[in-house]
């Protein structure tokens, strides 16, 4: 099964080797036909601690690294 890749913005980098990434998606509401913006936060593994708050990053699904981390940063 292919791994999902998402693009988002780093919102927190306070934990060791972990960044919190906010991913926004847009879709049209089925009844109102209005464009809706929803965002979700993912905790991603950052091996080198190189990404800071505000960076645009891409994250990829991976095997669980901890209780909350199931994603890893692959690029900027």
N, C-alpha and C. Protein backbone atom coordinates (compact mmCIF):
# COMPACT_ATOMS: atom_id res chain seq x y z
N UNK A 1 0.84 -1.18 0.00
CA UNK A 1 0.00 0.00 0.00
C UNK A 1 0.88 1.24 0.00
N UNK A 2 0.59 2.22 -0.86
CA UNK A 2 1.43 3.42 -0.91
C UNK A 2 1.28 4.26 0.35
N UNK A 3 2.35 4.94 0.70
CA UNK A 3 2.34 5.79 1.88
C UNK A 3 1.77 7.16 1.52
N UNK A 4 0.93 7.69 2.41
CA UNK A 4 0.36 9.02 2.16
C UNK A 4 1.41 10.09 2.42
N UNK A 5 1.38 11.13 1.61
CA UNK A 5 2.27 12.28 1.77
C UNK A 5 1.39 13.52 1.90
N UNK A 6 1.63 14.30 2.96
CA UNK A 6 0.87 15.52 3.20
C UNK A 6 1.82 16.70 3.28
N UNK A 7 1.31 17.90 3.00
CA UNK A 7 2.12 19.11 3.09
C UNK A 7 1.50 20.04 4.11
N UNK A 8 2.34 20.64 4.97
CA UNK A 8 1.82 21.52 6.00
C UNK A 8 2.88 22.45 6.54
N UNK A 9 2.53 23.12 7.63
CA UNK A 9 3.41 24.11 8.26
C UNK A 9 3.74 23.66 9.68
N UNK A 10 5.01 23.80 10.06
CA UNK A 10 5.44 23.44 11.41
C UNK A 10 4.88 24.47 12.38
N UNK A 11 4.16 23.98 13.41
CA UNK A 11 3.59 24.89 14.41
C UNK A 11 4.30 24.80 15.75
N UNK A 12 5.06 23.72 15.98
CA UNK A 12 5.81 23.57 17.23
C UNK A 12 7.02 22.69 17.00
N UNK A 13 8.14 23.06 17.65
CA UNK A 13 9.36 22.26 17.54
C UNK A 13 10.02 22.10 18.92
N UNK A 14 9.22 22.14 19.98
CA UNK A 14 9.78 22.15 21.33
C UNK A 14 10.25 20.79 21.82
N UNK A 15 9.70 19.71 21.27
CA UNK A 15 10.10 18.38 21.71
C UNK A 15 11.30 17.88 20.92
N UNK A 16 12.07 17.01 21.54
CA UNK A 16 13.26 16.47 20.88
C UNK A 16 12.86 15.55 19.74
N UNK A 17 13.42 15.79 18.57
CA UNK A 17 13.22 14.99 17.37
C UNK A 17 11.75 14.90 16.94
N UNK A 18 10.95 15.88 17.34
CA UNK A 18 9.53 15.87 16.98
C UNK A 18 9.10 17.27 16.59
N UNK A 19 8.30 17.36 15.53
CA UNK A 19 7.68 18.63 15.16
C UNK A 19 6.17 18.38 15.03
N UNK A 20 5.40 19.42 15.34
CA UNK A 20 3.96 19.36 15.14
C UNK A 20 3.66 20.09 13.85
N UNK A 21 2.98 19.41 12.93
CA UNK A 21 2.71 19.96 11.60
C UNK A 21 1.22 20.14 11.44
N UNK A 22 0.79 21.34 11.06
CA UNK A 22 -0.61 21.63 10.81
C UNK A 22 -0.88 21.51 9.31
N UNK A 23 -1.79 20.60 8.95
CA UNK A 23 -2.12 20.35 7.54
C UNK A 23 -3.53 20.85 7.29
N UNK A 24 -3.68 21.72 6.28
CA UNK A 24 -4.98 22.29 5.96
C UNK A 24 -5.52 21.64 4.68
N UNK A 25 -6.81 21.33 4.70
CA UNK A 25 -7.44 20.81 3.49
C UNK A 25 -8.66 21.65 3.18
N UNK A 26 -8.97 21.78 1.90
CA UNK A 26 -10.12 22.55 1.46
C UNK A 26 -11.06 21.64 0.69
N UNK A 27 -12.35 21.81 0.92
CA UNK A 27 -13.33 21.03 0.19
C UNK A 27 -14.63 21.82 0.10
N UNK A 28 -15.47 21.44 -0.82
CA UNK A 28 -16.74 22.10 -1.00
C UNK A 28 -17.79 21.41 -0.13
N UNK A 29 -18.54 22.19 0.65
CA UNK A 29 -19.58 21.65 1.50
C UNK A 29 -20.65 20.99 0.62
N UNK A 30 -21.07 19.76 0.95
CA UNK A 30 -21.99 19.05 0.07
C UNK A 30 -23.35 19.72 -0.12
N UNK A 31 -23.85 20.41 0.88
CA UNK A 31 -25.16 21.03 0.77
C UNK A 31 -25.08 22.51 0.42
N UNK A 32 -24.22 23.23 1.10
CA UNK A 32 -24.14 24.68 0.92
C UNK A 32 -23.27 25.11 -0.26
N UNK A 33 -22.45 24.19 -0.79
CA UNK A 33 -21.56 24.47 -1.92
C UNK A 33 -20.57 25.60 -1.61
N UNK A 34 -20.25 25.75 -0.33
CA UNK A 34 -19.28 26.77 0.08
C UNK A 34 -17.95 26.08 0.34
N UNK A 35 -16.84 26.72 0.01
CA UNK A 35 -15.53 26.16 0.27
C UNK A 35 -15.23 26.24 1.76
N UNK A 36 -14.88 25.08 2.34
CA UNK A 36 -14.63 24.98 3.77
C UNK A 36 -13.16 24.64 3.98
N UNK A 37 -12.52 25.29 4.97
CA UNK A 37 -11.14 25.00 5.32
C UNK A 37 -11.11 24.26 6.64
N UNK A 38 -10.44 23.11 6.66
CA UNK A 38 -10.27 22.35 7.90
C UNK A 38 -8.79 22.07 8.07
N UNK A 39 -8.34 22.08 9.31
CA UNK A 39 -6.93 21.78 9.55
C UNK A 39 -6.83 20.69 10.62
N UNK A 40 -5.74 19.96 10.56
CA UNK A 40 -5.48 18.90 11.51
C UNK A 40 -4.00 18.91 11.83
N UNK A 41 -3.66 18.60 13.08
CA UNK A 41 -2.26 18.59 13.49
C UNK A 41 -1.75 17.16 13.55
N UNK A 42 -0.53 16.99 13.04
CA UNK A 42 0.14 15.69 13.09
C UNK A 42 1.48 15.87 13.78
N UNK A 43 1.90 14.88 14.56
CA UNK A 43 3.23 14.90 15.16
C UNK A 43 4.13 14.05 14.28
N UNK A 44 5.24 14.64 13.84
CA UNK A 44 6.12 13.97 12.89
C UNK A 44 7.54 13.88 13.44
N UNK A 45 8.23 12.82 13.06
CA UNK A 45 9.59 12.57 13.50
C UNK A 45 10.56 13.42 12.68
N UNK A 46 11.42 14.18 13.35
CA UNK A 46 12.43 15.03 12.72
C UNK A 46 13.78 14.64 13.31
N UNK A 47 14.45 13.71 12.66
CA UNK A 47 15.68 13.10 13.19
C UNK A 47 16.74 14.12 13.58
N UNK A 48 16.98 15.12 12.72
CA UNK A 48 18.09 16.06 12.93
C UNK A 48 17.68 17.35 13.64
N UNK A 49 16.44 17.47 14.03
CA UNK A 49 15.94 18.72 14.65
C UNK A 49 16.25 19.94 13.78
N UNK A 50 16.04 19.82 12.48
CA UNK A 50 16.42 20.91 11.58
C UNK A 50 15.27 21.84 11.20
N UNK A 51 14.03 21.46 11.49
CA UNK A 51 12.90 22.29 11.08
C UNK A 51 12.41 23.15 12.23
N UNK A 52 12.07 24.40 11.92
CA UNK A 52 11.65 25.37 12.92
C UNK A 52 10.22 25.82 12.65
N UNK A 53 9.62 26.53 13.58
CA UNK A 53 8.25 27.01 13.46
C UNK A 53 8.12 27.89 12.21
N UNK A 54 7.09 27.62 11.42
CA UNK A 54 6.84 28.40 10.21
C UNK A 54 7.34 27.76 8.94
N UNK A 55 8.18 26.73 9.04
CA UNK A 55 8.70 26.05 7.85
C UNK A 55 7.60 25.25 7.17
N UNK A 56 7.62 25.27 5.83
CA UNK A 56 6.72 24.41 5.06
C UNK A 56 7.41 23.07 4.88
N UNK A 57 6.74 21.98 5.25
CA UNK A 57 7.35 20.65 5.17
C UNK A 57 6.37 19.66 4.56
N UNK A 58 6.94 18.53 4.10
CA UNK A 58 6.14 17.40 3.64
C UNK A 58 6.37 16.26 4.60
N UNK A 59 5.28 15.59 4.97
CA UNK A 59 5.38 14.47 5.90
C UNK A 59 4.84 13.21 5.24
N UNK A 60 5.39 12.07 5.65
CA UNK A 60 5.03 10.79 5.06
C UNK A 60 4.69 9.80 6.16
N UNK A 61 3.71 8.96 5.90
CA UNK A 61 3.33 7.92 6.85
C UNK A 61 4.50 6.97 7.10
N UNK A 62 4.59 6.46 8.32
CA UNK A 62 5.63 5.49 8.64
C UNK A 62 5.12 4.58 9.76
N UNK A 63 5.92 3.62 10.12
CA UNK A 63 5.58 2.75 11.24
C UNK A 63 5.60 3.59 12.52
N UNK A 64 4.83 3.22 13.53
CA UNK A 64 4.78 4.03 14.75
C UNK A 64 6.16 4.19 15.39
N UNK A 65 6.52 5.46 15.67
CA UNK A 65 7.80 5.77 16.32
C UNK A 65 7.60 5.93 17.83
N UNK A 66 6.39 6.33 18.23
CA UNK A 66 6.07 6.49 19.64
C UNK A 66 4.55 6.41 19.78
N UNK A 67 4.04 6.77 20.94
CA UNK A 67 2.60 6.69 21.18
C UNK A 67 1.81 7.58 20.21
N UNK A 68 2.35 8.75 19.88
CA UNK A 68 1.60 9.69 19.04
C UNK A 68 2.20 9.93 17.67
N UNK A 69 3.42 9.45 17.42
CA UNK A 69 4.09 9.74 16.14
C UNK A 69 3.93 8.58 15.15
N UNK A 70 3.25 8.88 14.02
CA UNK A 70 3.11 7.91 12.94
C UNK A 70 3.52 8.52 11.61
N UNK A 71 4.20 9.67 11.64
CA UNK A 71 4.62 10.39 10.44
C UNK A 71 6.08 10.77 10.58
N UNK A 72 6.75 10.99 9.44
CA UNK A 72 8.13 11.47 9.46
C UNK A 72 8.28 12.56 8.41
N UNK A 73 9.13 13.54 8.69
CA UNK A 73 9.37 14.64 7.77
C UNK A 73 10.28 14.14 6.66
N UNK A 74 9.90 14.41 5.38
CA UNK A 74 10.74 13.94 4.28
C UNK A 74 11.42 15.07 3.53
N UNK A 75 10.85 16.28 3.53
CA UNK A 75 11.47 17.37 2.77
C UNK A 75 10.85 18.70 3.18
N UNK A 76 11.44 19.79 2.67
CA UNK A 76 10.89 21.11 2.92
C UNK A 76 9.96 21.49 1.80
